[in-house]
Amino acid sequence: MAETPPDTRARILQVAMDEFAARGYHATSVREIAERVGVTKTAVLYHFPGKADIVGALAEPMLADLDAAMAAAGLPDPAGARWAAIEGLLDVWLAHRYLLRMNLYDLALAATGTVFRRFRDGMMRANTLVAGPDPDFDGRVRAAQAIAMLSDPVVLFADAPVEALRAAVLRGVHRLLGDAGPRSRTATGPDTEPAEPTEPAAPAARVRPGRGRRGRPGVMSPSMADTARRMYAAGSTATEIAAALGVSRATVYRHLTDTDH
């Protein structure tokens, strides 16, 4: 049976991701992507008019999740908004850690102006939420430092267990801000470590509808669901998909069931 265009599109994206990560965006041609997929260059250009459009398609799920996380973090309480933004942004980076690692090679995400602007605007929104209301210059700098601390460990340790990596990153940010986060303040002071450092739960002030009791999302955004389906079609297991997206296996199964799991 002939392959359907959606399958070809997904294969193009997967091959492009692998090639960009291994060789860099600028060193990879559309023809080389086509050869690895097993289609003509014209077939690739049918789905993506140019190489920058491939990057845009690869980045779209991450950008959509970033927009959603920052929109959900806008809580009335400044402390709650700060940690909602920090943990929400970290969850986005963990879900898309291999795309971030690809970008480390030659900043491929800056290849298209639209992707760069959306990424920049999302990060500026995160800085505003983390800095809090009426911050001084030092406060804005600390917010930028806290945000920067979220991505580098995710890129460097992309293959580490997600929960352990998430917990370690959050502990570092807590120390930088001199604040263990709304959920873990105790009578012993703000530097007290969480009781279960391997998997910190979300603070009560930032738990949002659809999130489970241990802070893992109980629902996925449409872009995350699309990513899950693409990964499943490419041969990933539900466990691998859950780890990549930072959700439970039950959540993955629920979304995959909607499309002939």
C-alpha atoms as a PDB file:
ATOM      1  CA  MET A   1       0.000   0.000   0.000  1.00  0.00           C
ATOM      2  CA  ALA A   2       1.317   3.450  -0.864  1.00  0.00           C
ATOM      3  CA  GLU A   3       2.408   5.576   2.038  1.00  0.00           C
ATOM      4  CA  THR A   4       0.113   8.430   2.973  1.00  0.00           C
ATOM      5  CA  PRO A   5       1.415  12.031   2.931  1.00  0.00           C
ATOM      6  CA  PRO A   6       1.111  12.462   6.735  1.00  0.00           C
ATOM      7  CA  ASP A   7       3.458   9.470   7.214  1.00  0.00           C
ATOM      8  CA  THR A   8       5.921  10.947   4.739  1.00  0.00           C
ATOM      9  CA  ARG A   9       5.765  14.294   6.501  1.00  0.00           C
ATOM     10  CA  ALA A  10       6.467  12.688   9.876  1.00  0.00           C
ATOM     11  CA  ARG A  11       9.412  10.753   8.438  1.00  0.00           C
ATOM     12  CA  ILE A  12      10.840  13.920   6.903  1.00  0.00           C
ATOM     13  CA  LEU A  13      10.676  15.650  10.274  1.00  0.00           C
ATOM     14  CA  GLN A  14      12.286  12.732  12.101  1.00  0.00           C
ATOM     15  CA  VAL A  15      15.116  12.408   9.581  1.00  0.00           C
ATOM     16  CA  ALA A  16      15.669  16.168   9.559  1.00  0.00           C
ATOM     17  CA  MET A  17      15.834  16.182  13.361  1.00  0.00           C
ATOM     18  CA  ASP A  18      18.438  13.410  13.305  1.00  0.00           C
ATOM     19  CA  GLU A  19      20.506  15.072  10.589  1.00  0.00           C
ATOM     20  CA  PHE A  20      20.388  18.536  12.137  1.00  0.00           C
ATOM     21  CA  ALA A  21      21.425  17.065  15.485  1.00  0.00           C
ATOM     22  CA  ALA A  22      24.280  15.040  13.992  1.00  0.00           C
ATOM     23  CA  ARG A  23      25.628  17.438  11.365  1.00  0.00           C
ATOM     24  CA  GLY A  24      24.008  20.810  11.954  1.00  0.00           C
ATOM     25  CA  TYR A  25      21.251  22.718  10.189  1.00  0.00           C
ATOM     26  CA  HIS A  26      23.512  24.609   7.803  1.00  0.00           C
ATOM     27  CA  ALA A  27      25.508  21.514   6.792  1.00  0.00           C
ATOM     28  CA  THR A  28      22.407  19.475   5.939  1.00  0.00           C
ATOM     29  CA  SER A  29      20.708  19.907   2.576  1.00  0.00           C
ATOM     30  CA  VAL A  30      17.126  19.198   1.577  1.00  0.00           C
ATOM     31  CA  ARG A  31      18.435  16.684  -0.975  1.00  0.00           C
ATOM     32  CA  GLU A  32      20.257  14.749   1.752  1.00  0.00           C
ATOM     33  CA  ILE A  33      17.115  14.653   3.873  1.00  0.00           C
ATOM     34  CA  ALA A  34      15.150  13.389   0.875  1.00  0.00           C
ATOM     35  CA  GLU A  35      17.693  10.636   0.197  1.00  0.00           C
ATOM     36  CA  ARG A  36      17.551   9.408   3.767  1.00  0.00           C
ATOM     37  CA  VAL A  37      13.757   9.416   3.774  1.00  0.00           C
ATOM     38  CA  GLY A  38      13.710   7.595   0.446  1.00  0.00           C
ATOM     39  CA  VAL A  39      11.749  10.205  -1.491  1.00  0.00           C
ATOM     40  CA  THR A  40      12.596  12.846  -4.060  1.00  0.00           C
ATOM     41  CA  LYS A  41      13.649  16.364  -3.177  1.00  0.00           C
ATOM     42  CA  THR A  42      10.414  17.523  -4.815  1.00  0.00           C
ATOM     43  CA  ALA A  43       8.437  15.357  -2.366  1.00  0.00           C
ATOM     44  CA  VAL A  44      10.158  17.041   0.573  1.00  0.00           C
ATOM     45  CA  LEU A  45       9.482  20.482  -0.897  1.00  0.00           C
ATOM     46  CA  TYR A  46       5.826  19.518  -1.361  1.00  0.00           C
ATOM     47  CA  HIS A  47       5.507  19.308   2.436  1.00  0.00           C
ATOM     48  CA  PHE A  48       8.038  22.027   3.310  1.00  0.00           C
ATOM     49  CA  PRO A  49       8.788  24.820   0.789  1.00  0.00           C
ATOM     50  CA  GLY A  50      12.232  25.346   2.304  1.00  0.00           C
ATOM     51  CA  LYS A  51      14.618  24.036   4.949  1.00  0.00           C
ATOM     52  CA  ALA A  52      13.601  26.797   7.376  1.00  0.00           C
ATOM     53  CA  ASP A  53      10.030  25.512   7.143  1.00  0.00           C
ATOM     54  CA  ILE A  54      11.233  22.138   8.412  1.00  0.00           C
ATOM     55  CA  VAL A  55      12.753  23.847  11.445  1.00  0.00           C
ATOM     56  CA  GLY A  56       9.518  25.749  11.963  1.00  0.00           C
ATOM     57  CA  ALA A  57       7.536  22.499  11.951  1.00  0.00           C
ATOM     58  CA  LEU A  58       9.982  20.866  14.364  1.00  0.00           C
ATOM     59  CA  ALA A  59       9.760  23.857  16.706  1.00  0.00           C
ATOM     60  CA  GLU A  60       5.973  24.322  16.568  1.00  0.00           C
ATOM     61  CA  PRO A  61       5.041  21.783  19.293  1.00  0.00           C
ATOM     62  CA  MET A  62       7.634  23.259  21.666  1.00  0.00           C
ATOM     63  CA  LEU A  63       6.545  26.830  20.966  1.00  0.00           C
ATOM     64  CA  ALA A  64       2.882  25.923  21.475  1.00  0.00           C
ATOM     65  CA  ASP A  65       3.726  24.246  24.790  1.00  0.00           C
ATOM     66  CA  LEU A  66       5.813  27.270  25.818  1.00  0.00           C
ATOM     67  CA  ASP A  67       2.929  29.640  25.054  1.00  0.00           C
ATOM     68  CA  ALA A  68       0.496  27.434  26.982  1.00  0.00           C
ATOM     69  CA  ALA A  69       2.802  27.068  29.998  1.00  0.00           C
ATOM     70  CA  MET A  70       3.391  30.800  30.309  1.00  0.00           C
ATOM     71  CA  ALA A  71      -0.307  31.591  29.864  1.00  0.00           C
ATOM     72  CA  ALA A  72      -1.201  29.092  32.590  1.00  0.00           C
ATOM     73  CA  ALA A  73       1.461  30.512  34.920  1.00  0.00           C
ATOM     74  CA  GLY A  74      -0.177  33.950  35.134  1.00  0.00           C
ATOM     75  CA  LEU A  75      -1.606  33.468  38.614  1.00  0.00           C
ATOM     76  CA  PRO A  76      -2.789  36.300  40.920  1.00  0.00           C
ATOM     77  CA  ASP A  77      -0.226  35.419  43.597  1.00  0.00           C
ATOM     78  CA  PRO A  78       3.305  36.557  42.549  1.00  0.00           C
ATOM     79  CA  ALA A  79       5.056  33.692  44.350  1.00  0.00           C
ATOM     80  CA  GLY A  80       2.715  31.182  42.757  1.00  0.00           C
ATOM     81  CA  ALA A  81       3.242  32.722  39.321  1.00  0.00           C
ATOM     82  CA  ARG A  82       7.019  32.603  39.754  1.00  0.00           C
ATOM     83  CA  TRP A  83       7.156  28.895  40.489  1.00  0.00           C
ATOM     84  CA  ALA A  84       4.426  28.066  38.006  1.00  0.00           C
ATOM     85  CA  ALA A  85       6.560  29.731  35.326  1.00  0.00           C
ATOM     86  CA  ILE A  86       9.781  28.032  36.462  1.00  0.00           C
ATOM     87  CA  GLU A  87       8.291  24.549  36.685  1.00  0.00           C
ATOM     88  CA  GLY A  88       6.155  25.013  33.585  1.00  0.00           C
ATOM     89  CA  LEU A  89       9.148  26.151  31.543  1.00  0.00           C
ATOM     90  CA  LEU A  90      11.274  23.297  32.853  1.00  0.00           C
ATOM     91  CA  ASP A  91       8.575  20.799  31.874  1.00  0.00           C
ATOM     92  CA  VAL A  92       8.543  22.246  28.348  1.00  0.00           C
ATOM     93  CA  TRP A  93      12.332  21.915  28.077  1.00  0.00           C
ATOM     94  CA  LEU A  94      12.210  18.342  29.357  1.00  0.00           C
ATOM     95  CA  ALA A  95       9.482  17.401  26.886  1.00  0.00           C
ATOM     96  CA  HIS A  96      11.479  18.852  23.979  1.00  0.00           C
ATOM     97  CA  ARG A  97      15.014  18.258  25.246  1.00  0.00           C
ATOM     98  CA  TYR A  98      16.265  16.629  22.030  1.00  0.00           C
ATOM     99  CA  LEU A  99      15.121  19.610  19.987  1.00  0.00           C
ATOM    100  CA  LEU A 100      17.027  21.887  22.372  1.00  0.00           C
ATOM    101  CA  ARG A 101      20.091  19.692  22.030  1.00  0.00           C
ATOM    102  CA  MET A 102      19.795  19.889  18.249  1.00  0.00           C
ATOM    103  CA  ASN A 103      19.706  23.684  18.524  1.00  0.00           C
ATOM    104  CA  LEU A 104      22.975  23.664  20.470  1.00  0.00           C
ATOM    105  CA  TYR A 105      24.832  22.575  17.321  1.00  0.00           C
ATOM    106  CA  ASP A 106      24.328  25.754  15.295  1.00  0.00           C
ATOM    107  CA  LEU A 107      21.307  27.623  16.701  1.00  0.00           C
ATOM    108  CA  ALA A 108      18.999  26.146  14.074  1.00  0.00           C
ATOM    109  CA  LEU A 109      15.922  27.585  15.812  1.00  0.00           C
ATOM    110  CA  ALA A 110      17.127  31.050  14.847  1.00  0.00           C
ATOM    111  CA  ALA A 111      17.053  30.102  11.161  1.00  0.00           C
ATOM    112  CA  THR A 112      13.518  31.404  10.768  1.00  0.00           C
ATOM    113  CA  GLY A 113      12.469  34.779  12.114  1.00  0.00           C
ATOM    114  CA  THR A 114       9.013  33.600  13.149  1.00  0.00           C
ATOM    115  CA  VAL A 115      10.386  30.821  15.358  1.00  0.00           C
ATOM    116  CA  PHE A 116      12.949  33.144  16.895  1.00  0.00           C
ATOM    117  CA  ARG A 117      10.378  35.828  17.693  1.00  0.00           C
ATOM    118  CA  ARG A 118       7.956  33.382  19.298  1.00  0.00           C
ATOM    119  CA  PHE A 119      10.776  31.861  21.337  1.00  0.00           C
ATOM    120  CA  ARG A 120      12.022  35.305  22.402  1.00  0.00           C
ATOM    121  CA  ASP A 121       8.538  36.489  23.382  1.00  0.00           C
ATOM    122  CA  GLY A 122       7.922  33.369  25.444  1.00  0.00           C
ATOM    123  CA  MET A 123      11.201  33.812  27.290  1.00  0.00           C
ATOM    124  CA  MET A 124      10.452  37.478  27.969  1.00  0.00           C
ATOM    125  CA  ARG A 125       7.094  36.474  29.434  1.00  0.00           C
ATOM    126  CA  ALA A 126       8.855  33.903  31.610  1.00  0.00           C
ATOM    127  CA  ASN A 127      11.311  36.553  32.843  1.00  0.00           C
ATOM    128  CA  THR A 128       8.452  38.869  33.797  1.00  0.00           C
ATOM    129  CA  LEU A 129       6.701  36.120  35.775  1.00  0.00           C
ATOM    130  CA  VAL A 130       9.848  34.910  37.535  1.00  0.00           C
ATOM    131  CA  ALA A 131      11.053  38.430  38.395  1.00  0.00           C
ATOM    132  CA  GLY A 132       7.690  39.309  39.952  1.00  0.00           C
ATOM    133  CA  PRO A 133       5.990  42.697  40.228  1.00  0.00           C
ATOM    134  CA  ASP A 134       8.146  45.857  40.261  1.00  0.00           C
ATOM    135  CA  PRO A 135      11.537  44.089  40.289  1.00  0.00           C
ATOM    136  CA  ASP A 136      14.763  46.043  40.546  1.00  0.00           C
ATOM    137  CA  PHE A 137      17.602  45.404  38.104  1.00  0.00           C
ATOM    138  CA  ASP A 138      19.169  42.732  40.311  1.00  0.00           C
ATOM    139  CA  GLY A 139      15.800  40.993  40.493  1.00  0.00           C
ATOM    140  CA  ARG A 140      15.474  40.928  36.709  1.00  0.00           C
ATOM    141  CA  VAL A 141      19.014  39.566  36.381  1.00  0.00           C
ATOM    142  CA  ARG A 142      18.343  36.829  38.964  1.00  0.00           C
ATOM    143  CA  ALA A 143      15.194  35.884  37.057  1.00  0.00           C
ATOM    144  CA  ALA A 144      17.207  35.589  33.853  1.00  0.00           C
ATOM    145  CA  GLN A 145      19.792  33.478  35.671  1.00  0.00           C
ATOM    146  CA  ALA A 146      17.097  31.199  37.065  1.00  0.00           C
ATOM    147  CA  ILE A 147      15.583  30.741  33.613  1.00  0.00           C
ATOM    148  CA  ALA A 148      18.992  30.029  32.083  1.00  0.00           C
ATOM    149  CA  MET A 149      19.581  27.351  34.734  1.00  0.00           C
ATOM    150  CA  LEU A 150      16.606  25.396  33.406  1.00  0.00           C
ATOM    151  CA  SER A 151      17.791  24.681  29.871  1.00  0.00           C
ATOM    152  CA  ASP A 152      21.518  23.901  30.014  1.00  0.00           C
ATOM    153  CA  PRO A 153      21.252  20.860  32.334  1.00  0.00           C
ATOM    154  CA  VAL A 154      18.367  19.531  30.224  1.00  0.00           C
ATOM    155  CA  VAL A 155      20.540  19.759  27.099  1.00  0.00           C
ATOM    156  CA  LEU A 156      23.675  18.331  28.724  1.00  0.00           C
ATOM    157  CA  PHE A 157      21.865  15.477  30.489  1.00  0.00           C
ATOM    158  CA  ALA A 158      19.072  14.845  27.960  1.00  0.00           C
ATOM    159  CA  ASP A 159      19.403  11.080  28.342  1.00  0.00           C
ATOM    160  CA  ALA A 160      19.153  11.098  32.149  1.00  0.00           C
ATOM    161  CA  PRO A 161      15.951   9.900  33.884  1.00  0.00           C
ATOM    162  CA  VAL A 162      13.476  12.754  33.525  1.00  0.00           C
ATOM    163  CA  GLU A 163      12.236  12.865  37.114  1.00  0.00           C
ATOM    164  CA  ALA A 164      15.728  12.833  38.634  1.00  0.00           C
ATOM    165  CA  LEU A 165      16.860  15.556  36.230  1.00  0.00           C
ATOM    166  CA  ARG A 166      13.786  17.668  36.939  1.00  0.00           C
ATOM    167  CA  ALA A 167      14.308  17.422  40.687  1.00  0.00           C
ATOM    168  CA  ALA A 168      18.017  18.291  40.492  1.00  0.00           C
ATOM    169  CA  VAL A 169      17.385  21.318  38.282  1.00  0.00           C
ATOM    170  CA  LEU A 170      14.672  22.640  40.597  1.00  0.00           C
ATOM    171  CA  ARG A 171      16.899  22.264  43.657  1.00  0.00           C
ATOM    172  CA  GLY A 172      19.538  24.414  41.957  1.00  0.00           C
ATOM    173  CA  VAL A 173      17.000  27.114  41.082  1.00  0.00           C
ATOM    174  CA  HIS A 174      15.608  27.052  44.627  1.00  0.00           C
ATOM    175  CA  ARG A 175      19.088  27.746  45.990  1.00  0.00           C
ATOM    176  CA  LEU A 176      19.730  30.584  43.535  1.00  0.00           C
ATOM    177  CA  LEU A 177      16.516  32.335  44.492  1.00  0.00           C
ATOM    178  CA  GLY A 178      17.008  31.704  48.213  1.00  0.00           C
ATOM    179  CA  ASP A 179      13.582  30.145  48.244  1.00  0.00           C
ATOM    180  CA  ALA A 180      12.659  26.464  48.348  1.00  0.00           C
ATOM    181  CA  GLY A 181       9.395  27.181  46.599  1.00  0.00           C
ATOM    182  CA  PRO A 182       5.901  27.600  48.047  1.00  0.00           C
ATOM    183  CA  ARG A 183       5.362  23.854  48.498  1.00  0.00           C
ATOM    184  CA  SER A 184       8.493  23.086  50.508  1.00  0.00           C
ATOM    185  CA  ARG A 185       8.819  25.895  53.055  1.00  0.00           C
ATOM    186  CA  THR A 186       8.847  24.484  56.568  1.00  0.00           C
ATOM    187  CA  ALA A 187       9.560  25.677  60.079  1.00  0.00           C
ATOM    188  CA  THR A 188      13.234  24.826  59.580  1.00  0.00           C
ATOM    189  CA  GLY A 189      13.659  27.587  56.992  1.00  0.00           C
ATOM    190  CA  PRO A 190      13.598  28.207  53.234  1.00  0.00           C
ATOM    191  CA  ASP A 191      16.680  26.074  52.484  1.00  0.00           C
ATOM    192  CA  THR A 192      15.063  22.844  53.626  1.00  0.00           C
ATOM    193  CA  GLU A 193      15.187  20.163  50.944  1.00  0.00           C
ATOM    194  CA  PRO A 194      11.928  18.589  49.785  1.00  0.00           C
ATOM    195  CA  ALA A 195      11.009  15.401  51.615  1.00  0.00           C
ATOM    196  CA  GLU A 196      11.164  13.441  48.346  1.00  0.00           C
ATOM    197  CA  PRO A 197      13.943  15.094  46.336  1.00  0.00           C
ATOM    198  CA  THR A 198      13.652  12.641  43.460  1.00  0.00           C
ATOM    199  CA  GLU A 199      10.246  13.957  42.401  1.00  0.00           C
ATOM    200  CA  PRO A 200       9.103  17.341  43.780  1.00  0.00           C
ATOM    201  CA  ALA A 201       5.377  17.884  43.500  1.00  0.00           C
ATOM    202  CA  ALA A 202       3.917  21.110  42.186  1.00  0.00           C
ATOM    203  CA  PRO A 203       3.172  23.783  44.830  1.00  0.00           C
ATOM    204  CA  ALA A 204      -0.433  23.864  45.890  1.00  0.00           C
ATOM    205  CA  ALA A 205      -0.717  27.447  44.655  1.00  0.00           C
ATOM    206  CA  ARG A 206       0.076  26.426  41.088  1.00  0.00           C
ATOM    207  CA  VAL A 207      -1.739  23.128  40.636  1.00  0.00           C
ATOM    208  CA  ARG A 208      -3.876  23.545  37.559  1.00  0.00           C
ATOM    209  CA  PRO A 209      -6.883  21.604  36.319  1.00  0.00           C
ATOM    210  CA  GLY A 210      -5.766  18.377  34.710  1.00  0.00           C
ATOM    211  CA  ARG A 211      -2.620  17.947  36.812  1.00  0.00           C
ATOM    212  CA  GLY A 212      -2.232  14.908  39.011  1.00  0.00           C
ATOM    213  CA  ARG A 213      -1.481  14.913  42.717  1.00  0.00           C
ATOM    214  CA  ARG A 214       2.258  14.384  42.135  1.00  0.00           C
ATOM    215  CA  GLY A 215       2.543  17.357  39.785  1.00  0.00           C
ATOM    216  CA  ARG A 216       2.600  15.442  36.503  1.00  0.00           C
ATOM    217  CA  PRO A 217       0.224  16.703  33.797  1.00  0.00           C
ATOM    218  CA  GLY A 218      -2.968  14.676  33.489  1.00  0.00           C
ATOM    219  CA  VAL A 219      -3.721  16.095  30.051  1.00  0.00           C
ATOM    220  CA  MET A 220      -1.642  17.047  27.048  1.00  0.00           C
ATOM    221  CA  SER A 221      -1.926  20.082  24.836  1.00  0.00           C
ATOM    222  CA  PRO A 222      -2.922  19.397  21.202  1.00  0.00           C
ATOM    223  CA  SER A 223       0.691  19.836  20.110  1.00  0.00           C
ATOM    224  CA  MET A 224       1.927  17.401  22.763  1.00  0.00           C
ATOM    225  CA  ALA A 225      -0.726  14.891  21.691  1.00  0.00           C
ATOM    226  CA  ASP A 226       0.431  15.247  18.076  1.00  0.00           C
ATOM    227  CA  THR A 227       4.021  14.676  19.204  1.00  0.00           C
ATOM    228  CA  ALA A 228       2.947  11.559  21.117  1.00  0.00           C
ATOM    229  CA  ARG A 229       1.189  10.155  18.067  1.00  0.00           C
ATOM    230  CA  ARG A 230       4.169  10.838  15.821  1.00  0.00           C
ATOM    231  CA  MET A 231       6.519   9.150  18.292  1.00  0.00           C
ATOM    232  CA  TYR A 232       4.195   6.151  18.592  1.00  0.00           C
ATOM    233  CA  ALA A 233       3.944   5.861  14.814  1.00  0.00           C
ATOM    234  CA  ALA A 234       7.747   5.965  14.646  1.00  0.00           C
ATOM    235  CA  GLY A 235       7.998   3.015  17.045  1.00  0.00           C
ATOM    236  CA  SER A 236       8.396   4.641  20.481  1.00  0.00           C
ATOM    237  CA  THR A 237       6.763   2.855  23.405  1.00  0.00           C
ATOM    238  CA  ALA A 238       4.234   4.504  25.714  1.00  0.00           C
ATOM    239  CA  THR A 239       6.883   4.539  28.458  1.00  0.00           C
ATOM    240  CA  GLU A 240       9.353   6.358  26.203  1.00  0.00           C
ATOM    241  CA  ILE A 241       6.714   8.838  25.089  1.00  0.00           C
ATOM    242  CA  ALA A 242       5.639   9.517  28.687  1.00  0.00           C
ATOM    243  CA  ALA A 243       9.256  10.169  29.708  1.00  0.00           C
ATOM    244  CA  ALA A 244       9.870  12.468  26.741  1.00  0.00           C
ATOM    245  CA  LEU A 245       6.728  14.541  27.315  1.00  0.00           C
ATOM    246  CA  GLY A 246       6.812  14.513  31.108  1.00  0.00           C
ATOM    247  CA  VAL A 247       3.379  12.913  31.530  1.00  0.00           C
ATOM    248  CA  SER A 248       2.119   9.607  32.892  1.00  0.00           C
ATOM    249  CA  ARG A 249       1.756   6.492  30.772  1.00  0.00           C
ATOM    250  CA  ALA A 250      -1.977   6.551  31.471  1.00  0.00           C
ATOM    251  CA  THR A 251      -2.159  10.004  29.908  1.00  0.00           C
ATOM    252  CA  VAL A 252      -0.276   8.760  26.847  1.00  0.00           C
ATOM    253  CA  TYR A 253      -2.546   5.727  26.470  1.00  0.00           C
ATOM    254  CA  ARG A 254      -5.637   7.910  26.794  1.00  0.00           C
ATOM    255  CA  HIS A 255      -4.540  10.172  23.931  1.00  0.00           C
ATOM    256  CA  LEU A 256      -3.295   7.332  21.736  1.00  0.00           C
ATOM    257  CA  THR A 257      -6.593   5.485  22.156  1.00  0.00           C
ATOM    258  CA  ASP A 258      -8.264   8.346  20.313  1.00  0.00           C
ATOM    259  CA  THR A 259      -6.276   7.440  17.190  1.00  0.00           C
ATOM    260  CA  ASP A 260      -6.388   3.658  16.943  1.00  0.00           C
ATOM    261  CA  HIS A 261      -3.882   2.789  19.686  1.00  0.00           C
END
